């Protein structure tokens, strides 16, 4: 699971982006998805890099919370620098969705492993 954990988080970010784009009728074109996803994927890369530097595997709930928070903070910062929107409601939804998803699969993994 340690090797695929970052990929599970990538899939979570992509689900967040696809649901958001569909909900706001922005469409699921490749370019549109990439435009929305790259800031969060950049944040996810930074978060996972930080976790790996500590020597941890990223599977704990604490790591999941850290990864979700860093993903959203860097993602929103990158969106601002790229001239994309960062409405307060969008920030709240991004934190809630990504946090819930990144914690949920880790919690299920812990439960399943018992």
PDB file of N, CA and C in Angstrom:
ATOM      1  N   UNK A   1       0.826  -1.207   0.000  1.00  0.00           N
ATOM      2  CA  UNK A   1       0.000   0.000   0.000  1.00  0.00           C
ATOM      3  C   UNK A   1       0.863   1.261   0.000  1.00  0.00           C
ATOM      4  N   UNK A   2       2.055   1.155   0.569  1.00  0.00           N
ATOM      5  CA  UNK A   2       2.914   2.332   0.673  1.00  0.00           C
ATOM      6  C   UNK A   2       3.252   2.915  -0.692  1.00  0.00           C
ATOM      7  N   UNK A   3       3.440   2.043  -1.672  1.00  0.00           N
ATOM      8  CA  UNK A   3       3.800   2.531  -3.009  1.00  0.00           C
ATOM      9  C   UNK A   3       2.631   3.168  -3.741  1.00  0.00           C
ATOM     10  N   UNK A   4       1.437   2.667  -3.514  1.00  0.00           N
ATOM     11  CA  UNK A   4       0.279   3.189  -4.242  1.00  0.00           C
ATOM     12  C   UNK A   4      -0.432   4.312  -3.500  1.00  0.00           C
ATOM     13  N   UNK A   5      -0.059   4.573  -2.254  1.00  0.00           N
ATOM     14  CA  UNK A   5      -0.729   5.611  -1.467  1.00  0.00           C
ATOM     15  C   UNK A   5      -0.742   6.970  -2.169  1.00  0.00           C
ATOM     16  N   UNK A   6       0.385   7.437  -2.712  1.00  0.00           N
ATOM     17  CA  UNK A   6       0.324   8.724  -3.416  1.00  0.00           C
ATOM     18  C   UNK A   6      -0.635   8.685  -4.612  1.00  0.00           C
ATOM     19  N   UNK A   7      -0.715   7.552  -5.286  1.00  0.00           N
ATOM     20  CA  UNK A   7      -1.621   7.436  -6.427  1.00  0.00           C
ATOM     21  C   UNK A   7      -3.079   7.482  -5.988  1.00  0.00           C
ATOM     22  N   UNK A   8      -3.382   6.929  -4.825  1.00  0.00           N
ATOM     23  CA  UNK A   8      -4.748   7.003  -4.298  1.00  0.00           C
ATOM     24  C   UNK A   8      -5.109   8.458  -4.039  1.00  0.00           C
ATOM     25  N   UNK A   9      -4.152   9.219  -3.498  1.00  0.00           N
ATOM     26  CA  UNK A   9      -4.409  10.643  -3.269  1.00  0.00           C
ATOM     27  C   UNK A   9      -4.556  11.397  -4.593  1.00  0.00           C
ATOM     28  N   UNK A  10      -3.769  11.045  -5.591  1.00  0.00           N
ATOM     29  CA  UNK A  10      -3.917  11.668  -6.920  1.00  0.00           C
ATOM     30  C   UNK A  10      -5.318  11.400  -7.456  1.00  0.00           C
ATOM     31  N   UNK A  11      -5.767  10.159  -7.336  1.00  0.00           N
ATOM     32  CA  UNK A  11      -7.122   9.829  -7.799  1.00  0.00           C
ATOM     33  C   UNK A  11      -8.170  10.637  -7.038  1.00  0.00           C
ATOM     34  N   UNK A  12      -7.947  10.828  -5.746  1.00  0.00           N
ATOM     35  CA  UNK A  12      -8.873  11.633  -4.950  1.00  0.00           C
ATOM     36  C   UNK A  12      -8.945  13.065  -5.438  1.00  0.00           C
ATOM     37  N   UNK A  13      -7.797  13.652  -5.733  1.00  0.00           N
ATOM     38  CA  UNK A  13      -7.761  15.025  -6.261  1.00  0.00           C
ATOM     39  C   UNK A  13      -8.480  15.080  -7.601  1.00  0.00           C
ATOM     40  N   UNK A  14      -8.258  14.091  -8.449  1.00  0.00           N
ATOM     41  CA  UNK A  14      -8.926  14.085  -9.759  1.00  0.00           C
ATOM     42  C   UNK A  14     -10.434  13.920  -9.616  1.00  0.00           C
ATOM     43  N   UNK A  15     -10.877  13.116  -8.662  1.00  0.00           N
ATOM     44  CA  UNK A  15     -12.321  12.978  -8.403  1.00  0.00           C
ATOM     45  C   UNK A  15     -12.882  14.320  -7.951  1.00  0.00           C
ATOM     46  N   UNK A  16     -12.177  14.994  -7.043  1.00  0.00           N
ATOM     47  CA  UNK A  16     -12.592  16.323  -6.582  1.00  0.00           C
ATOM     48  C   UNK A  16     -12.745  17.281  -7.764  1.00  0.00           C
ATOM     49  N   UNK A  17     -11.767  17.297  -8.640  1.00  0.00           N
ATOM     50  CA  UNK A  17     -11.790  18.198  -9.801  1.00  0.00           C
ATOM     51  C   UNK A  17     -12.940  17.841 -10.744  1.00  0.00           C
ATOM     52  N   UNK A  18     -13.096  16.565 -11.045  1.00  0.00           N
ATOM     53  CA  UNK A  18     -14.148  16.155 -11.981  1.00  0.00           C
ATOM     54  C   UNK A  18     -15.544  16.444 -11.429  1.00  0.00           C
ATOM     55  N   UNK A  19     -15.756  16.172 -10.154  1.00  0.00           N
ATOM     56  CA  UNK A  19     -17.061  16.460  -9.554  1.00  0.00           C
ATOM     57  C   UNK A  19     -17.321  17.966  -9.560  1.00  0.00           C
ATOM     58  N   UNK A  20     -16.318  18.724  -9.187  1.00  0.00           N
ATOM     59  CA  UNK A  20     -16.474  20.183  -9.172  1.00  0.00           C
ATOM     60  C   UNK A  20     -16.764  20.756 -10.535  1.00  0.00           C
ATOM     61  N   UNK A  21     -16.032  20.295 -11.544  1.00  0.00           N
ATOM     62  CA  UNK A  21     -16.249  20.803 -12.902  1.00  0.00           C
ATOM     63  C   UNK A  21     -17.633  20.399 -13.414  1.00  0.00           C
ATOM     64  N   UNK A  22     -18.047  19.185 -13.105  1.00  0.00           N
ATOM     65  CA  UNK A  22     -19.371  18.733 -13.546  1.00  0.00           C
ATOM     66  C   UNK A  22     -20.473  19.513 -12.831  1.00  0.00           C
ATOM     67  N   UNK A  23     -20.282  19.756 -11.550  1.00  0.00           N
ATOM     68  CA  UNK A  23     -21.290  20.479 -10.766  1.00  0.00           C
ATOM     69  C   UNK A  23     -21.466  21.915 -11.267  1.00  0.00           C
ATOM     70  N   UNK A  24     -20.408  22.504 -11.734  1.00  0.00           N
ATOM     71  CA  UNK A  24     -20.461  23.895 -12.209  1.00  0.00           C
ATOM     72  C   UNK A  24     -20.560  23.989 -13.735  1.00  0.00           C
ATOM     73  N   UNK A  25     -20.865  22.865 -14.362  1.00  0.00           N
ATOM     74  CA  UNK A  25     -21.061  22.815 -15.820  1.00  0.00           C
ATOM     75  C   UNK A  25     -19.870  23.373 -16.596  1.00  0.00           C
ATOM     76  N   UNK A  26     -18.661  23.075 -16.118  1.00  0.00           N
ATOM     77  CA  UNK A  26     -17.462  23.510 -16.833  1.00  0.00           C
ATOM     78  C   UNK A  26     -16.981  22.481 -17.834  1.00  0.00           C
ATOM     79  N   UNK A  27     -17.558  21.308 -17.812  1.00  0.00           N
ATOM     80  CA  UNK A  27     -17.191  20.264 -18.754  1.00  0.00           C
ATOM     81  C   UNK A  27     -15.951  19.509 -18.315  1.00  0.00           C
ATOM     82  N   UNK A  28     -15.764  18.365 -18.902  1.00  0.00           N
ATOM     83  CA  UNK A  28     -14.635  17.509 -18.553  1.00  0.00           C
ATOM     84  C   UNK A  28     -13.649  17.382 -19.710  1.00  0.00           C
ATOM     85  N   UNK A  29     -13.374  18.474 -20.394  1.00  0.00           N
ATOM     86  CA  UNK A  29     -12.354  18.418 -21.429  1.00  0.00           C
ATOM     87  C   UNK A  29     -10.999  18.191 -20.774  1.00  0.00           C
ATOM     88  N   UNK A  30     -10.080  17.598 -21.509  1.00  0.00           N
ATOM     89  CA  UNK A  30      -8.759  17.319 -20.962  1.00  0.00           C
ATOM     90  C   UNK A  30      -8.086  18.607 -20.491  1.00  0.00           C
ATOM     91  N   UNK A  31      -8.122  19.630 -21.319  1.00  0.00           N
ATOM     92  CA  UNK A  31      -7.500  20.904 -20.965  1.00  0.00           C
ATOM     93  C   UNK A  31      -8.137  21.544 -19.737  1.00  0.00           C
ATOM     94  N   UNK A  32      -9.440  21.462 -19.638  1.00  0.00           N
ATOM     95  CA  UNK A  32     -10.137  22.032 -18.492  1.00  0.00           C
ATOM     96  C   UNK A  32      -9.801  21.310 -17.206  1.00  0.00           C
ATOM     97  N   UNK A  33      -9.749  19.983 -17.273  1.00  0.00           N
ATOM     98  CA  UNK A  33      -9.412  19.197 -16.085  1.00  0.00           C
ATOM     99  C   UNK A  33      -7.972  19.491 -15.661  1.00  0.00           C
ATOM    100  N   UNK A  34      -7.065  19.542 -16.620  1.00  0.00           N
ATOM    101  CA  UNK A  34      -5.662  19.842 -16.307  1.00  0.00           C
ATOM    102  C   UNK A  34      -5.545  21.234 -15.693  1.00  0.00           C
ATOM    103  N   UNK A  35      -6.258  22.199 -16.259  1.00  0.00           N
ATOM    104  CA  UNK A  35      -6.216  23.569 -15.761  1.00  0.00           C
ATOM    105  C   UNK A  35      -6.671  23.669 -14.314  1.00  0.00           C
ATOM    106  N   UNK A  36      -7.672  22.896 -13.950  1.00  0.00           N
ATOM    107  CA  UNK A  36      -8.177  22.910 -12.585  1.00  0.00           C
ATOM    108  C   UNK A  36      -7.331  22.041 -11.657  1.00  0.00           C
ATOM    109  N   UNK A  37      -6.821  20.928 -12.161  1.00  0.00           N
ATOM    110  CA  UNK A  37      -6.139  19.952 -11.313  1.00  0.00           C
ATOM    111  C   UNK A  37      -4.694  20.304 -10.990  1.00  0.00           C
ATOM    112  N   UNK A  38      -3.973  20.940 -11.917  1.00  0.00           N
ATOM    113  CA  UNK A  38      -2.526  21.086 -11.710  1.00  0.00           C
ATOM    114  C   UNK A  38      -2.144  21.789 -10.409  1.00  0.00           C
ATOM    115  N   UNK A  39      -2.865  22.834  -9.966  1.00  0.00           N
ATOM    116  CA  UNK A  39      -2.442  23.456  -8.706  1.00  0.00           C
ATOM    117  C   UNK A  39      -2.526  22.494  -7.513  1.00  0.00           C
ATOM    118  N   UNK A  40      -3.568  21.676  -7.498  1.00  0.00           N
ATOM    119  CA  UNK A  40      -3.748  20.734  -6.401  1.00  0.00           C
ATOM    120  C   UNK A  40      -2.775  19.561  -6.512  1.00  0.00           C
ATOM    121  N   UNK A  41      -2.485  19.139  -7.721  1.00  0.00           N
ATOM    122  CA  UNK A  41      -1.494  18.080  -7.899  1.00  0.00           C
ATOM    123  C   UNK A  41      -0.104  18.571  -7.503  1.00  0.00           C
ATOM    124  N   UNK A  42       0.186  19.847  -7.782  1.00  0.00           N
ATOM    125  CA  UNK A  42       1.441  20.440  -7.326  1.00  0.00           C
ATOM    126  C   UNK A  42       1.493  20.428  -5.796  1.00  0.00           C
ATOM    127  N   UNK A  43       0.403  20.838  -5.161  1.00  0.00           N
ATOM    128  CA  UNK A  43       0.336  20.812  -3.698  1.00  0.00           C
ATOM    129  C   UNK A  43       0.507  19.407  -3.148  1.00  0.00           C
ATOM    130  N   UNK A  44      -0.096  18.444  -3.817  1.00  0.00           N
ATOM    131  CA  UNK A  44       0.020  17.051  -3.394  1.00  0.00           C
ATOM    132  C   UNK A  44       1.458  16.567  -3.510  1.00  0.00           C
ATOM    133  N   UNK A  45       2.133  16.952  -4.570  1.00  0.00           N
ATOM    134  CA  UNK A  45       3.537  16.584  -4.757  1.00  0.00           C
ATOM    135  C   UNK A  45       4.405  17.159  -3.636  1.00  0.00           C
ATOM    136  N   UNK A  46       4.191  18.422  -3.313  1.00  0.00           N
ATOM    137  CA  UNK A  46       4.944  19.057  -2.225  1.00  0.00           C
ATOM    138  C   UNK A  46       4.649  18.356  -0.903  1.00  0.00           C
ATOM    139  N   UNK A  47       3.382  18.064  -0.648  1.00  0.00           N
ATOM    140  CA  UNK A  47       2.995  17.417   0.604  1.00  0.00           C
ATOM    141  C   UNK A  47       3.641  16.040   0.741  1.00  0.00           C
ATOM    142  N   UNK A  48       3.547  15.231  -0.312  1.00  0.00           N
ATOM    143  CA  UNK A  48       4.136  13.897  -0.260  1.00  0.00           C
ATOM    144  C   UNK A  48       5.655  13.966  -0.152  1.00  0.00           C
ATOM    145  N   UNK A  49       6.269  14.930  -0.803  1.00  0.00           N
ATOM    146  CA  UNK A  49       7.723  15.093  -0.699  1.00  0.00           C
ATOM    147  C   UNK A  49       8.118  15.391   0.743  1.00  0.00           C
ATOM    148  N   UNK A  50       7.352  16.243   1.404  1.00  0.00           N
ATOM    149  CA  UNK A  50       7.634  16.577   2.801  1.00  0.00           C
ATOM    150  C   UNK A  50       7.463  15.352   3.696  1.00  0.00           C
ATOM    151  N   UNK A  51       6.410  14.589   3.460  1.00  0.00           N
ATOM    152  CA  UNK A  51       6.173  13.389   4.266  1.00  0.00           C
ATOM    153  C   UNK A  51       7.301  12.384   4.057  1.00  0.00           C
ATOM    154  N   UNK A  52       7.701  12.181   2.827  1.00  0.00           N
ATOM    155  CA  UNK A  52       8.771  11.214   2.533  1.00  0.00           C
ATOM    156  C   UNK A  52      10.096  11.637   3.146  1.00  0.00           C
ATOM    157  N   UNK A  53      10.352  12.948   3.201  1.00  0.00           N
ATOM    158  CA  UNK A  53      11.601  13.432   3.807  1.00  0.00           C
ATOM    159  C   UNK A  53      11.680  13.120   5.290  1.00  0.00           C
ATOM    160  N   UNK A  54      10.520  12.965   5.925  1.00  0.00           N
ATOM    161  CA  UNK A  54      10.519  12.631   7.355  1.00  0.00           C
ATOM    162  C   UNK A  54      10.735  11.139   7.576  1.00  0.00           C
ATOM    163  N   UNK A  55      10.717  10.364   6.501  1.00  0.00           N
ATOM    164  CA  UNK A  55      10.892   8.927   6.616  1.00  0.00           C
ATOM    165  C   UNK A  55       9.614   8.175   6.911  1.00  0.00           C
ATOM    166  N   UNK A  56       8.499   8.868   6.888  1.00  0.00           N
ATOM    167  CA  UNK A  56       7.210   8.222   7.171  1.00  0.00           C
ATOM    168  C   UNK A  56       6.589   7.694   5.884  1.00  0.00           C
ATOM    169  N   UNK A  57       5.618   6.820   6.059  1.00  0.00           N
ATOM    170  CA  UNK A  57       5.007   6.188   4.888  1.00  0.00           C
ATOM    171  C   UNK A  57       3.782   6.926   4.367  1.00  0.00           C
ATOM    172  N   UNK A  58       3.263   7.897   5.111  1.00  0.00           N
ATOM    173  CA  UNK A  58       2.113   8.670   4.657  1.00  0.00           C
ATOM    174  C   UNK A  58       0.773   7.992   4.854  1.00  0.00           C
ATOM    175  N   UNK A  59       0.754   6.884   5.566  1.00  0.00           N
ATOM    176  CA  UNK A  59      -0.495   6.135   5.723  1.00  0.00           C
ATOM    177  C   UNK A  59      -1.256   6.469   6.997  1.00  0.00           C
ATOM    178  N   UNK A  60      -0.659   7.196   7.900  1.00  0.00           N
ATOM    179  CA  UNK A  60      -1.351   7.522   9.159  1.00  0.00           C
ATOM    180  C   UNK A  60      -2.399   8.602   8.921  1.00  0.00           C
ATOM    181  N   UNK A  61      -3.330   8.695   9.859  1.00  0.00           N
ATOM    182  CA  UNK A  61      -4.353   9.745   9.766  1.00  0.00           C
ATOM    183  C   UNK A  61      -3.713  11.126   9.898  1.00  0.00           C
ATOM    184  N   UNK A  62      -2.703  11.237  10.731  1.00  0.00           N
ATOM    185  CA  UNK A  62      -1.992  12.513  10.885  1.00  0.00           C
ATOM    186  C   UNK A  62      -1.339  12.912   9.559  1.00  0.00           C
ATOM    187  N   UNK A  63      -0.709  11.968   8.890  1.00  0.00           N
ATOM    188  CA  UNK A  63      -0.105  12.252   7.588  1.00  0.00           C
ATOM    189  C   UNK A  63      -1.177  12.638   6.574  1.00  0.00           C
ATOM    190  N   UNK A  64      -2.315  11.949   6.612  1.00  0.00           N
ATOM    191  CA  UNK A  64      -3.410  12.267   5.690  1.00  0.00           C
ATOM    192  C   UNK A  64      -3.920  13.678   5.890  1.00  0.00           C
ATOM    193  N   UNK A  65      -4.051  14.092   7.146  1.00  0.00           N
ATOM    194  CA  UNK A  65      -4.504  15.458   7.431  1.00  0.00           C
ATOM    195  C   UNK A  65      -3.476  16.476   6.945  1.00  0.00           C
ATOM    196  N   UNK A  66      -2.204  16.197   7.191  1.00  0.00           N
ATOM    197  CA  UNK A  66      -1.136  17.081   6.726  1.00  0.00           C
ATOM    198  C   UNK A  66      -1.133  17.176   5.205  1.00  0.00           C
ATOM    199  N   UNK A  67      -1.227  16.035   4.543  1.00  0.00           N
ATOM    200  CA  UNK A  67      -1.201  16.003   3.078  1.00  0.00           C
ATOM    201  C   UNK A  67      -2.391  16.763   2.507  1.00  0.00           C
ATOM    202  N   UNK A  68      -3.573  16.571   3.073  1.00  0.00           N
ATOM    203  CA  UNK A  68      -4.763  17.281   2.593  1.00  0.00           C
ATOM    204  C   UNK A  68      -4.604  18.785   2.769  1.00  0.00           C
ATOM    205  N   UNK A  69      -4.139  19.203   3.940  1.00  0.00           N
ATOM    206  CA  UNK A  69      -3.983  20.634   4.211  1.00  0.00           C
ATOM    207  C   UNK A  69      -2.955  21.272   3.284  1.00  0.00           C
ATOM    208  N   UNK A  70      -1.802  20.653   3.143  1.00  0.00           N
ATOM    209  CA  UNK A  70      -0.757  21.197   2.271  1.00  0.00           C
ATOM    210  C   UNK A  70      -1.228  21.210   0.817  1.00  0.00           C
ATOM    211  N   UNK A  71      -1.913  20.163   0.405  1.00  0.00           N
ATOM    212  CA  UNK A  71      -2.437  20.098  -0.962  1.00  0.00           C
ATOM    213  C   UNK A  71      -3.331  21.292  -1.258  1.00  0.00           C
ATOM    214  N   UNK A  72      -4.233  21.597  -0.346  1.00  0.00           N
ATOM    215  CA  UNK A  72      -5.178  22.686  -0.572  1.00  0.00           C
ATOM    216  C   UNK A  72      -4.498  24.049  -0.435  1.00  0.00           C
ATOM    217  N   UNK A  73      -3.648  24.224   0.556  1.00  0.00           N
ATOM    218  CA  UNK A  73      -2.975  25.518   0.734  1.00  0.00           C
ATOM    219  C   UNK A  73      -2.102  25.848  -0.474  1.00  0.00           C
ATOM    220  N   UNK A  74      -1.300  24.908  -0.902  1.00  0.00           N
ATOM    221  CA  UNK A  74      -0.443  25.169  -2.067  1.00  0.00           C
ATOM    222  C   UNK A  74      -1.288  25.248  -3.331  1.00  0.00           C
ATOM    223  N   UNK A  75      -2.308  24.406  -3.424  1.00  0.00           N
ATOM    224  CA  UNK A  75      -3.192  24.459  -4.591  1.00  0.00           C
ATOM    225  C   UNK A  75      -3.865  25.808  -4.739  1.00  0.00           C
ATOM    226  N   UNK A  76      -4.372  26.338  -3.652  1.00  0.00           N
ATOM    227  CA  UNK A  76      -5.029  27.648  -3.707  1.00  0.00           C
ATOM    228  C   UNK A  76      -4.028  28.765  -3.979  1.00  0.00           C
ATOM    229  N   UNK A  77      -2.837  28.655  -3.397  1.00  0.00           N
ATOM    230  CA  UNK A  77      -1.795  29.652  -3.666  1.00  0.00           C
ATOM    231  C   UNK A  77      -1.413  29.643  -5.139  1.00  0.00           C
ATOM    232  N   UNK A  78      -1.246  28.467  -5.703  1.00  0.00           N
ATOM    233  CA  UNK A  78      -0.912  28.352  -7.126  1.00  0.00           C
ATOM    234  C   UNK A  78      -2.042  28.895  -7.997  1.00  0.00           C
ATOM    235  N   UNK A  79      -3.293  28.663  -7.580  1.00  0.00           N
ATOM    236  CA  UNK A  79      -4.429  29.199  -8.340  1.00  0.00           C
ATOM    237  C   UNK A  79      -4.397  30.722  -8.338  1.00  0.00           C
ATOM    238  N   UNK A  80      -4.085  31.330  -7.195  1.00  0.00           N
ATOM    239  CA  UNK A  80      -4.002  32.792  -7.123  1.00  0.00           C
ATOM    240  C   UNK A  80      -2.900  33.290  -8.059  1.00  0.00           C
ATOM    241  N   UNK A  81      -1.734  32.658  -7.996  1.00  0.00           N
ATOM    242  CA  UNK A  81      -0.613  33.079  -8.843  1.00  0.00           C
ATOM    243  C   UNK A  81      -0.912  32.895 -10.333  1.00  0.00           C
ATOM    244  N   UNK A  82      -1.785  31.928 -10.648  1.00  0.00           N
ATOM    245  CA  UNK A  82      -2.153  31.669 -12.044  1.00  0.00           C
ATOM    246  C   UNK A  82      -3.369  32.480 -12.483  1.00  0.00           C
ATOM    247  N   UNK A  83      -3.922  33.312 -11.580  1.00  0.00           N
ATOM    248  CA  UNK A  83      -5.076  34.127 -11.931  1.00  0.00           C
ATOM    249  C   UNK A  83      -6.392  33.375 -11.926  1.00  0.00           C
ATOM    250  N   UNK A  84      -6.444  32.246 -11.233  1.00  0.00           N
ATOM    251  CA  UNK A  84      -7.680  31.475 -11.129  1.00  0.00           C
ATOM    252  C   UNK A  84      -8.397  31.850  -9.834  1.00  0.00           C
ATOM    253  N   UNK A  85      -9.657  31.483  -9.737  1.00  0.00           N
ATOM    254  CA  UNK A  85     -10.474  31.868  -8.588  1.00  0.00           C
ATOM    255  C   UNK A  85     -10.199  31.067  -7.332  1.00  0.00           C
ATOM    256  N   UNK A  86     -10.386  31.729  -6.193  1.00  0.00           N
ATOM    257  CA  UNK A  86     -10.233  31.075  -4.891  1.00  0.00           C
ATOM    258  C   UNK A  86     -11.273  31.618  -3.912  1.00  0.00           C
ATOM    259  N   UNK A  87     -12.517  31.553  -4.275  1.00  0.00           N
ATOM    260  CA  UNK A  87     -13.591  32.037  -3.406  1.00  0.00           C
ATOM    261  C   UNK A  87     -13.559  31.293  -2.075  1.00  0.00           C
ATOM    262  N   UNK A  88     -13.942  31.959  -0.975  1.00  0.00           N
ATOM    263  CA  UNK A  88     -13.936  31.297   0.335  1.00  0.00           C
ATOM    264  C   UNK A  88     -14.716  29.976   0.361  1.00  0.00           C
ATOM    265  N   UNK A  89     -15.844  29.934  -0.319  1.00  0.00           N
ATOM    266  CA  UNK A  89     -16.621  28.694  -0.355  1.00  0.00           C
ATOM    267  C   UNK A  89     -15.845  27.581  -1.056  1.00  0.00           C
ATOM    268  N   UNK A  90     -15.110  27.923  -2.103  1.00  0.00           N
ATOM    269  CA  UNK A  90     -14.302  26.937  -2.832  1.00  0.00           C
ATOM    270  C   UNK A  90     -13.186  26.405  -1.930  1.00  0.00           C
ATOM    271  N   UNK A  91     -12.571  27.283  -1.160  1.00  0.00           N
ATOM    272  CA  UNK A  91     -11.511  26.857  -0.243  1.00  0.00           C
ATOM    273  C   UNK A  91     -12.088  25.889   0.791  1.00  0.00           C
ATOM    274  N   UNK A  92     -13.243  26.227   1.348  1.00  0.00           N
ATOM    275  CA  UNK A  92     -13.884  25.370   2.350  1.00  0.00           C
ATOM    276  C   UNK A  92     -14.243  24.009   1.768  1.00  0.00           C
ATOM    277  N   UNK A  93     -14.810  24.002   0.566  1.00  0.00           N
ATOM    278  CA  UNK A  93     -15.182  22.740  -0.075  1.00  0.00           C
ATOM    279  C   UNK A  93     -13.940  21.916  -0.388  1.00  0.00           C
ATOM    280  N   UNK A  94     -12.897  22.553  -0.877  1.00  0.00           N
ATOM    281  CA  UNK A  94     -11.658  21.839  -1.193  1.00  0.00           C
ATOM    282  C   UNK A  94     -11.057  21.206   0.057  1.00  0.00           C
ATOM    283  N   UNK A  95     -11.033  21.962   1.156  1.00  0.00           N
ATOM    284  CA  UNK A  95     -10.510  21.414   2.408  1.00  0.00           C
ATOM    285  C   UNK A  95     -11.372  20.255   2.906  1.00  0.00           C
ATOM    286  N   UNK A  96     -12.680  20.448   2.879  1.00  0.00           N
ATOM    287  CA  UNK A  96     -13.587  19.410   3.381  1.00  0.00           C
ATOM    288  C   UNK A  96     -13.518  18.150   2.524  1.00  0.00           C
ATOM    289  N   UNK A  97     -13.608  18.301   1.210  1.00  0.00           N
ATOM    290  CA  UNK A  97     -13.639  17.136   0.327  1.00  0.00           C
ATOM    291  C   UNK A  97     -12.311  16.391   0.353  1.00  0.00           C
ATOM    292  N   UNK A  98     -11.223  17.121   0.122  1.00  0.00           N
ATOM    293  CA  UNK A  98      -9.919  16.463   0.082  1.00  0.00           C
ATOM    294  C   UNK A  98      -9.545  15.896   1.446  1.00  0.00           C
ATOM    295  N   UNK A  99      -9.856  16.642   2.503  1.00  0.00           N
ATOM    296  CA  UNK A  99      -9.582  16.130   3.838  1.00  0.00           C
ATOM    297  C   UNK A  99     -10.359  14.863   4.129  1.00  0.00           C
ATOM    298  N   UNK A 100     -11.640  14.883   3.832  1.00  0.00           N
ATOM    299  CA  UNK A 100     -12.473  13.706   4.087  1.00  0.00           C
ATOM    300  C   UNK A 100     -12.001  12.503   3.281  1.00  0.00           C
ATOM    301  N   UNK A 101     -11.707  12.724   2.017  1.00  0.00           N
ATOM    302  CA  UNK A 101     -11.291  11.616   1.166  1.00  0.00           C
ATOM    303  C   UNK A 101      -9.936  11.059   1.587  1.00  0.00           C
ATOM    304  N   UNK A 102      -8.987  11.945   1.863  1.00  0.00           N
ATOM    305  CA  UNK A 102      -7.651  11.484   2.229  1.00  0.00           C
ATOM    306  C   UNK A 102      -7.625  10.829   3.610  1.00  0.00           C
ATOM    307  N   UNK A 103      -8.511  11.248   4.488  1.00  0.00           N
ATOM    308  CA  UNK A 103      -8.600  10.594   5.791  1.00  0.00           C
ATOM    309  C   UNK A 103      -9.416   9.300   5.707  1.00  0.00           C
ATOM    310  N   UNK A 104     -10.454   9.298   4.877  1.00  0.00           N
ATOM    311  CA  UNK A 104     -11.340   8.133   4.793  1.00  0.00           C
ATOM    312  C   UNK A 104     -10.607   6.887   4.309  1.00  0.00           C
ATOM    313  N   UNK A 105      -9.844   7.013   3.235  1.00  0.00           N
ATOM    314  CA  UNK A 105      -9.192   5.794   2.741  1.00  0.00           C
ATOM    315  C   UNK A 105      -8.117   5.309   3.709  1.00  0.00           C
ATOM    316  N   UNK A 106      -7.486   6.240   4.410  1.00  0.00           N
ATOM    317  CA  UNK A 106      -6.493   5.826   5.411  1.00  0.00           C
ATOM    318  C   UNK A 106      -7.179   5.139   6.596  1.00  0.00           C
ATOM    319  N   UNK A 107      -8.308   5.689   7.031  1.00  0.00           N
ATOM    320  CA  UNK A 107      -9.049   5.075   8.137  1.00  0.00           C
ATOM    321  C   UNK A 107      -9.552   3.688   7.745  1.00  0.00           C
ATOM    322  N   UNK A 108     -10.052   3.558   6.534  1.00  0.00           N
ATOM    323  CA  UNK A 108     -10.501   2.239   6.062  1.00  0.00           C
ATOM    324  C   UNK A 108      -9.340   1.258   5.998  1.00  0.00           C
ATOM    325  N   UNK A 109      -8.199   1.725   5.558  1.00  0.00           N
ATOM    326  CA  UNK A 109      -7.015   0.866   5.507  1.00  0.00           C
ATOM    327  C   UNK A 109      -6.595   0.385   6.882  1.00  0.00           C
ATOM    328  N   UNK A 110      -6.670   1.276   7.865  1.00  0.00           N
ATOM    329  CA  UNK A 110      -6.329   0.900   9.241  1.00  0.00           C
ATOM    330  C   UNK A 110      -7.334  -0.123   9.771  1.00  0.00           C
ATOM    331  N   UNK A 111      -8.610   0.137   9.512  1.00  0.00           N
ATOM    332  CA  UNK A 111      -9.661  -0.768   9.964  1.00  0.00           C
ATOM    333  C   UNK A 111      -9.508  -2.139   9.298  1.00  0.00           C
ATOM    334  N   UNK A 112      -9.268  -2.141   7.993  1.00  0.00           N
ATOM    335  CA  UNK A 112      -9.140  -3.375   7.232  1.00  0.00           C
ATOM    336  C   UNK A 112      -7.937  -4.182   7.721  1.00  0.00           C
ATOM    337  N   UNK A 113      -6.875  -3.480   8.110  1.00  0.00           N
ATOM    338  CA  UNK A 113      -5.657  -4.151   8.558  1.00  0.00           C
ATOM    339  C   UNK A 113      -5.758  -4.768   9.945  1.00  0.00           C
ATOM    340  N   UNK A 114      -6.808  -4.463  10.685  1.00  0.00           N
ATOM    341  CA  UNK A 114      -6.944  -4.997  12.055  1.00  0.00           C
ATOM    342  C   UNK A 114      -7.448  -6.412  12.067  1.00  0.00           C
TER     343      UNK A 114
END
